[in-house]
Amino acid sequence: MNKGETANAKAGDLLISEPFLQDENFVRSVILLCEHSEEGSFGLVLNKPSILKLGELVEKLSFLDINVFVGGPVEQNTLHFIYFGDKVLDGSISLGNNLWWGGDFDTLQEKLSLGQLNSDSVRFFLGYSGWGAGQLNDELEESTWIICTQNLEVENFEYTPEELWKNLLKNMGGEYKVIANYPLDPRLN
């Protein structure tokens, strides 16, 4: 890969951490890649729940009992979201397969309040995962991440956070099916 080129990863792909990654922010994590370009990359960890509920952060949505996830270690004072279905918010960015990132937050609150958007089709995140120019490409070359091109489906949210990493790898088949069964601590094998 030449300097400045981006790896084969693209927005909408999932980054699955290699089984022995020791960075506490990303152990057994699955990241939805929202943006990947020469300037840098942005993603959201899908399987790291926070201790907070949405209603604790957004007063207008206090009637919803929704878990908020830790999107990553960067700017954990910011709230991000993705949703499935038709594009219903101005400013939403398509990640493929009827998956949208962001958009007008006031409209989102209104649609959730009026029941015009199913809360099960939305996931909220505090912070994000970010990489500077070329940083993610370097990590991909070092095999820190496995690129999963399987489309994220709302059904993936039915898995527990612990199951998501394992099930995505199993569904990829071949060597990934074997990796899915690696113990967290190889000394326990």
C-alpha atoms as a PDB file:
ATOM      1  CA  MET A   1       0.000   0.000   0.000  1.00  0.00           C
ATOM      2  CA  ASN A   2       1.391   3.404  -0.933  1.00  0.00           C
ATOM      3  CA  LYS A   3       1.514   6.272   1.512  1.00  0.00           C
ATOM      4  CA  GLY A   4      -1.790   8.138   1.385  1.00  0.00           C
ATOM      5  CA  GLU A   5      -3.806   5.172   0.118  1.00  0.00           C
ATOM      6  CA  THR A   6      -6.548   3.816   2.306  1.00  0.00           C
ATOM      7  CA  ALA A   7      -6.796   0.117   3.080  1.00  0.00           C
ATOM      8  CA  ASN A   8      -9.663  -1.896   1.678  1.00  0.00           C
ATOM      9  CA  ALA A   9     -11.834  -0.849   4.626  1.00  0.00           C
ATOM     10  CA  LYS A  10     -14.697   1.498   3.831  1.00  0.00           C
ATOM     11  CA  ALA A  11     -17.525   3.240   5.631  1.00  0.00           C
ATOM     12  CA  GLY A  12     -20.105   0.675   6.683  1.00  0.00           C
ATOM     13  CA  ASP A  13     -17.535  -2.081   7.275  1.00  0.00           C
ATOM     14  CA  LEU A  14     -17.036  -3.610  10.691  1.00  0.00           C
ATOM     15  CA  LEU A  15     -13.616  -3.741  12.320  1.00  0.00           C
ATOM     16  CA  ILE A  16     -13.247  -6.757  14.590  1.00  0.00           C
ATOM     17  CA  SER A  17     -10.339  -6.647  17.027  1.00  0.00           C
ATOM     18  CA  GLU A  18      -7.847  -9.476  16.788  1.00  0.00           C
ATOM     19  CA  PRO A  19      -8.367 -11.934  19.642  1.00  0.00           C
ATOM     20  CA  PHE A  20      -5.350 -10.978  21.745  1.00  0.00           C
ATOM     21  CA  LEU A  21      -5.506  -7.181  21.444  1.00  0.00           C
ATOM     22  CA  GLN A  22      -4.673  -5.908  24.925  1.00  0.00           C
ATOM     23  CA  ASP A  23      -5.766  -2.262  24.592  1.00  0.00           C
ATOM     24  CA  GLU A  24      -8.499  -2.043  27.254  1.00  0.00           C
ATOM     25  CA  ASN A  25     -10.541   0.281  25.020  1.00  0.00           C
ATOM     26  CA  PHE A  26     -10.768  -2.311  22.266  1.00  0.00           C
ATOM     27  CA  VAL A  27     -10.558  -5.822  23.765  1.00  0.00           C
ATOM     28  CA  ARG A  28     -12.906  -8.067  21.744  1.00  0.00           C
ATOM     29  CA  SER A  29     -14.509  -5.017  20.197  1.00  0.00           C
ATOM     30  CA  VAL A  30     -16.544  -4.576  17.042  1.00  0.00           C
ATOM     31  CA  ILE A  31     -16.332  -1.112  15.503  1.00  0.00           C
ATOM     32  CA  LEU A  32     -18.673   0.242  12.865  1.00  0.00           C
ATOM     33  CA  LEU A  33     -16.465   2.260  10.529  1.00  0.00           C
ATOM     34  CA  CYS A  34     -18.388   5.439   9.701  1.00  0.00           C
ATOM     35  CA  GLU A  35     -15.674   7.295   7.808  1.00  0.00           C
ATOM     36  CA  HIS A  36     -12.336   6.226   6.307  1.00  0.00           C
ATOM     37  CA  SER A  37     -10.268   8.519   4.124  1.00  0.00           C
ATOM     38  CA  GLU A  38      -6.733   9.815   3.645  1.00  0.00           C
ATOM     39  CA  GLU A  39      -7.422  12.430   6.346  1.00  0.00           C
ATOM     40  CA  GLY A  40      -8.350   9.873   9.002  1.00  0.00           C
ATOM     41  CA  SER A  41     -11.037   7.516  10.214  1.00  0.00           C
ATOM     42  CA  PHE A  42     -14.031   7.577  12.566  1.00  0.00           C
ATOM     43  CA  GLY A  43     -15.886   4.642  14.074  1.00  0.00           C
ATOM     44  CA  LEU A  44     -18.194   3.566  16.888  1.00  0.00           C
ATOM     45  CA  VAL A  45     -17.653   0.562  19.166  1.00  0.00           C
ATOM     46  CA  LEU A  46     -20.865  -1.463  18.935  1.00  0.00           C
ATOM     47  CA  ASN A  47     -20.377  -3.838  21.839  1.00  0.00           C
ATOM     48  CA  LYS A  48     -19.215  -1.823  24.843  1.00  0.00           C
ATOM     49  CA  PRO A  49     -22.187  -0.708  26.945  1.00  0.00           C
ATOM     50  CA  SER A  50     -21.749   2.229  29.289  1.00  0.00           C
ATOM     51  CA  ILE A  51     -23.337   2.417  32.726  1.00  0.00           C
ATOM     52  CA  LEU A  52     -25.636   5.206  31.542  1.00  0.00           C
ATOM     53  CA  LYS A  53     -29.155   5.250  30.130  1.00  0.00           C
ATOM     54  CA  LEU A  54     -30.210   7.705  27.440  1.00  0.00           C
ATOM     55  CA  GLY A  55     -32.683   9.402  29.773  1.00  0.00           C
ATOM     56  CA  GLU A  56     -29.843  10.337  32.101  1.00  0.00           C
ATOM     57  CA  LEU A  57     -28.199  12.252  29.271  1.00  0.00           C
ATOM     58  CA  VAL A  58     -31.140  13.650  27.289  1.00  0.00           C
ATOM     59  CA  GLU A  59     -34.021  14.962  29.392  1.00  0.00           C
ATOM     60  CA  LYS A  60     -36.504  14.990  26.487  1.00  0.00           C
ATOM     61  CA  LEU A  61     -35.964  11.237  26.057  1.00  0.00           C
ATOM     62  CA  SER A  62     -36.083  10.283  29.733  1.00  0.00           C
ATOM     63  CA  PHE A  63     -39.141   8.083  29.040  1.00  0.00           C
ATOM     64  CA  LEU A  64     -36.951   5.685  27.005  1.00  0.00           C
ATOM     65  CA  ASP A  65     -35.056   2.943  28.817  1.00  0.00           C
ATOM     66  CA  ILE A  66     -32.204   2.764  26.313  1.00  0.00           C
ATOM     67  CA  ASN A  67     -28.627   1.769  27.060  1.00  0.00           C
ATOM     68  CA  VAL A  68     -25.916   4.079  25.800  1.00  0.00           C
ATOM     69  CA  PHE A  69     -22.720   2.500  24.481  1.00  0.00           C
ATOM     70  CA  VAL A  70     -19.127   3.702  24.674  1.00  0.00           C
ATOM     71  CA  GLY A  71     -18.306   4.597  21.084  1.00  0.00           C
ATOM     72  CA  GLY A  72     -14.634   4.864  21.879  1.00  0.00           C
ATOM     73  CA  PRO A  73     -12.094   6.671  24.012  1.00  0.00           C
ATOM     74  CA  VAL A  74     -12.177   9.981  22.102  1.00  0.00           C
ATOM     75  CA  GLU A  75     -14.375  12.881  23.298  1.00  0.00           C
ATOM     76  CA  GLN A  76     -16.586  10.882  25.624  1.00  0.00           C
ATOM     77  CA  ASN A  77     -18.550  14.061  26.293  1.00  0.00           C
ATOM     78  CA  THR A  78     -20.153  13.811  22.840  1.00  0.00           C
ATOM     79  CA  LEU A  79     -23.250  11.807  21.893  1.00  0.00           C
ATOM     80  CA  HIS A  80     -23.469   9.996  18.549  1.00  0.00           C
ATOM     81  CA  PHE A  81     -26.093   7.688  17.066  1.00  0.00           C
ATOM     82  CA  ILE A  82     -26.895   5.327  14.229  1.00  0.00           C
ATOM     83  CA  TYR A  83     -30.298   4.100  13.075  1.00  0.00           C
ATOM     84  CA  PHE A  84     -31.794   1.533  10.732  1.00  0.00           C
ATOM     85  CA  GLY A  85     -34.573   1.991   8.198  1.00  0.00           C
ATOM     86  CA  ASP A  86     -35.434   4.727   5.777  1.00  0.00           C
ATOM     87  CA  LYS A  87     -33.569   8.022   5.948  1.00  0.00           C
ATOM     88  CA  VAL A  88     -35.746  10.118   8.250  1.00  0.00           C
ATOM     89  CA  LEU A  89     -33.283  12.779   9.423  1.00  0.00           C
ATOM     90  CA  ASP A  90     -31.637  15.612   7.542  1.00  0.00           C
ATOM     91  CA  GLY A  91     -27.875  15.278   7.614  1.00  0.00           C
ATOM     92  CA  SER A  92     -27.807  11.500   8.068  1.00  0.00           C
ATOM     93  CA  ILE A  93     -24.963   9.747   6.275  1.00  0.00           C
ATOM     94  CA  SER A  94     -25.664   6.425   4.580  1.00  0.00           C
ATOM     95  CA  LEU A  95     -23.506   3.506   5.684  1.00  0.00           C
ATOM     96  CA  GLY A  96     -25.319   1.125   3.321  1.00  0.00           C
ATOM     97  CA  ASN A  97     -28.060  -1.438   3.873  1.00  0.00           C
ATOM     98  CA  ASN A  98     -30.524   1.110   5.341  1.00  0.00           C
ATOM     99  CA  LEU A  99     -28.056   2.041   8.091  1.00  0.00           C
ATOM    100  CA  TRP A 100     -27.606   5.749   8.836  1.00  0.00           C
ATOM    101  CA  TRP A 101     -25.104   7.664  10.947  1.00  0.00           C
ATOM    102  CA  GLY A 102     -26.108  10.896  12.663  1.00  0.00           C
ATOM    103  CA  GLY A 103     -28.483  13.542  11.463  1.00  0.00           C
ATOM    104  CA  ASP A 104     -30.640  16.271  12.957  1.00  0.00           C
ATOM    105  CA  PHE A 105     -30.848  15.472  16.672  1.00  0.00           C
ATOM    106  CA  ASP A 106     -33.912  17.633  17.383  1.00  0.00           C
ATOM    107  CA  THR A 107     -35.867  15.762  14.716  1.00  0.00           C
ATOM    108  CA  LEU A 108     -34.621  12.453  16.134  1.00  0.00           C
ATOM    109  CA  GLN A 109     -35.927  13.392  19.594  1.00  0.00           C
ATOM    110  CA  GLU A 110     -39.277  14.422  18.122  1.00  0.00           C
ATOM    111  CA  LYS A 111     -39.689  11.211  16.088  1.00  0.00           C
ATOM    112  CA  LEU A 112     -38.794   9.055  19.101  1.00  0.00           C
ATOM    113  CA  SER A 113     -41.182  11.037  21.338  1.00  0.00           C
ATOM    114  CA  LEU A 114     -44.051  10.669  18.862  1.00  0.00           C
ATOM    115  CA  GLY A 115     -43.341   6.974  18.238  1.00  0.00           C
ATOM    116  CA  GLN A 116     -42.516   7.687  14.579  1.00  0.00           C
ATOM    117  CA  LEU A 117     -39.152   5.976  14.995  1.00  0.00           C
ATOM    118  CA  ASN A 118     -38.759   2.684  16.835  1.00  0.00           C
ATOM    119  CA  SER A 119     -36.219   3.063  19.640  1.00  0.00           C
ATOM    120  CA  ASP A 120     -35.004  -0.508  18.956  1.00  0.00           C
ATOM    121  CA  SER A 121     -33.666   0.681  15.606  1.00  0.00           C
ATOM    122  CA  VAL A 122     -31.449   3.389  17.162  1.00  0.00           C
ATOM    123  CA  ARG A 123     -28.203   2.996  19.091  1.00  0.00           C
ATOM    124  CA  PHE A 124     -26.521   5.815  21.010  1.00  0.00           C
ATOM    125  CA  PHE A 125     -22.822   6.217  21.821  1.00  0.00           C
ATOM    126  CA  LEU A 126     -20.710   8.386  24.094  1.00  0.00           C
ATOM    127  CA  GLY A 127     -17.458   9.274  22.390  1.00  0.00           C
ATOM    128  CA  TYR A 128     -15.970   7.656  19.330  1.00  0.00           C
ATOM    129  CA  SER A 129     -12.959   5.803  17.986  1.00  0.00           C
ATOM    130  CA  GLY A 130     -10.718   7.954  15.856  1.00  0.00           C
ATOM    131  CA  TRP A 131      -7.559   7.522  13.844  1.00  0.00           C
ATOM    132  CA  GLY A 132      -5.326  10.180  12.290  1.00  0.00           C
ATOM    133  CA  ALA A 133      -4.143  10.129   8.698  1.00  0.00           C
ATOM    134  CA  GLY A 134      -2.736   6.686   7.876  1.00  0.00           C
ATOM    135  CA  GLN A 135      -3.073   5.397  11.458  1.00  0.00           C
ATOM    136  CA  LEU A 136      -5.884   2.918  10.786  1.00  0.00           C
ATOM    137  CA  ASN A 137      -4.138   1.688   7.626  1.00  0.00           C
ATOM    138  CA  ASP A 138      -1.043   0.963   9.726  1.00  0.00           C
ATOM    139  CA  GLU A 139      -3.149  -0.958  12.254  1.00  0.00           C
ATOM    140  CA  LEU A 140      -4.800  -2.923   9.450  1.00  0.00           C
ATOM    141  CA  GLU A 141      -1.384  -3.825   7.999  1.00  0.00           C
ATOM    142  CA  GLU A 142      -0.318  -5.004  11.487  1.00  0.00           C
ATOM    143  CA  SER A 143      -3.457  -7.214  11.615  1.00  0.00           C
ATOM    144  CA  THR A 144      -4.814  -5.417  14.683  1.00  0.00           C
ATOM    145  CA  TRP A 145      -8.233  -5.430  13.015  1.00  0.00           C
ATOM    146  CA  ILE A 146     -10.123  -7.924  10.898  1.00  0.00           C
ATOM    147  CA  ILE A 147     -12.274  -6.250   8.251  1.00  0.00           C
ATOM    148  CA  CYS A 148     -15.774  -7.689   8.146  1.00  0.00           C
ATOM    149  CA  THR A 149     -17.770  -6.597   5.119  1.00  0.00           C
ATOM    150  CA  GLN A 150     -20.946  -8.298   6.376  1.00  0.00           C
ATOM    151  CA  ASN A 151     -23.701  -5.705   6.529  1.00  0.00           C
ATOM    152  CA  LEU A 152     -24.709  -4.676  10.004  1.00  0.00           C
ATOM    153  CA  GLU A 153     -28.335  -5.615  10.600  1.00  0.00           C
ATOM    154  CA  VAL A 154     -30.668  -4.503  13.371  1.00  0.00           C
ATOM    155  CA  GLU A 155     -30.746  -8.203  14.355  1.00  0.00           C
ATOM    156  CA  ASN A 156     -27.061  -7.915  15.315  1.00  0.00           C
ATOM    157  CA  PHE A 157     -28.228  -5.767  18.229  1.00  0.00           C
ATOM    158  CA  GLU A 158     -30.023  -8.791  19.671  1.00  0.00           C
ATOM    159  CA  TYR A 159     -26.654 -10.358  20.517  1.00  0.00           C
ATOM    160  CA  THR A 160     -25.192  -9.557  23.899  1.00  0.00           C
ATOM    161  CA  PRO A 161     -22.081  -7.386  23.620  1.00  0.00           C
ATOM    162  CA  GLU A 162     -19.968 -10.452  24.403  1.00  0.00           C
ATOM    163  CA  GLU A 163     -21.670 -12.540  21.696  1.00  0.00           C
ATOM    164  CA  LEU A 164     -21.388  -9.981  18.873  1.00  0.00           C
ATOM    165  CA  TRP A 165     -17.598 -10.322  18.423  1.00  0.00           C
ATOM    166  CA  LYS A 166     -17.757 -14.110  18.446  1.00  0.00           C
ATOM    167  CA  ASN A 167     -20.815 -14.466  16.187  1.00  0.00           C
ATOM    168  CA  LEU A 168     -19.532 -12.107  13.503  1.00  0.00           C
ATOM    169  CA  LEU A 169     -16.289 -14.090  13.286  1.00  0.00           C
ATOM    170  CA  LYS A 170     -18.155 -17.411  13.175  1.00  0.00           C
ATOM    171  CA  ASN A 171     -20.335 -16.108  10.326  1.00  0.00           C
ATOM    172  CA  MET A 172     -17.222 -15.154   8.348  1.00  0.00           C
ATOM    173  CA  GLY A 173     -16.279 -18.867   8.337  1.00  0.00           C
ATOM    174  CA  GLY A 174     -12.911 -20.468   7.619  1.00  0.00           C
ATOM    175  CA  GLU A 175     -10.032 -19.365   9.832  1.00  0.00           C
ATOM    176  CA  TYR A 176     -12.270 -16.733  11.451  1.00  0.00           C
ATOM    177  CA  LYS A 177     -14.567 -19.436  12.798  1.00  0.00           C
ATOM    178  CA  VAL A 178     -11.560 -20.858  14.635  1.00  0.00           C
ATOM    179  CA  ILE A 179     -10.490 -17.417  15.925  1.00  0.00           C
ATOM    180  CA  ALA A 180     -13.984 -16.920  17.371  1.00  0.00           C
ATOM    181  CA  ASN A 181     -13.274 -19.676  19.877  1.00  0.00           C
ATOM    182  CA  TYR A 182      -9.910 -18.376  21.088  1.00  0.00           C
ATOM    183  CA  PRO A 183      -9.901 -17.840  24.849  1.00  0.00           C
ATOM    184  CA  LEU A 184      -9.492 -14.272  26.106  1.00  0.00           C
ATOM    185  CA  ASP A 185      -6.340 -15.390  27.919  1.00  0.00           C
ATOM    186  CA  PRO A 186      -4.311 -17.870  25.792  1.00  0.00           C
ATOM    187  CA  ARG A 187      -2.731 -19.295  28.956  1.00  0.00           C
ATOM    188  CA  LEU A 188      -6.153 -20.805  29.728  1.00  0.00           C
ATOM    189  CA  ASN A 189      -6.108 -22.878  26.551  1.00  0.00           C
END
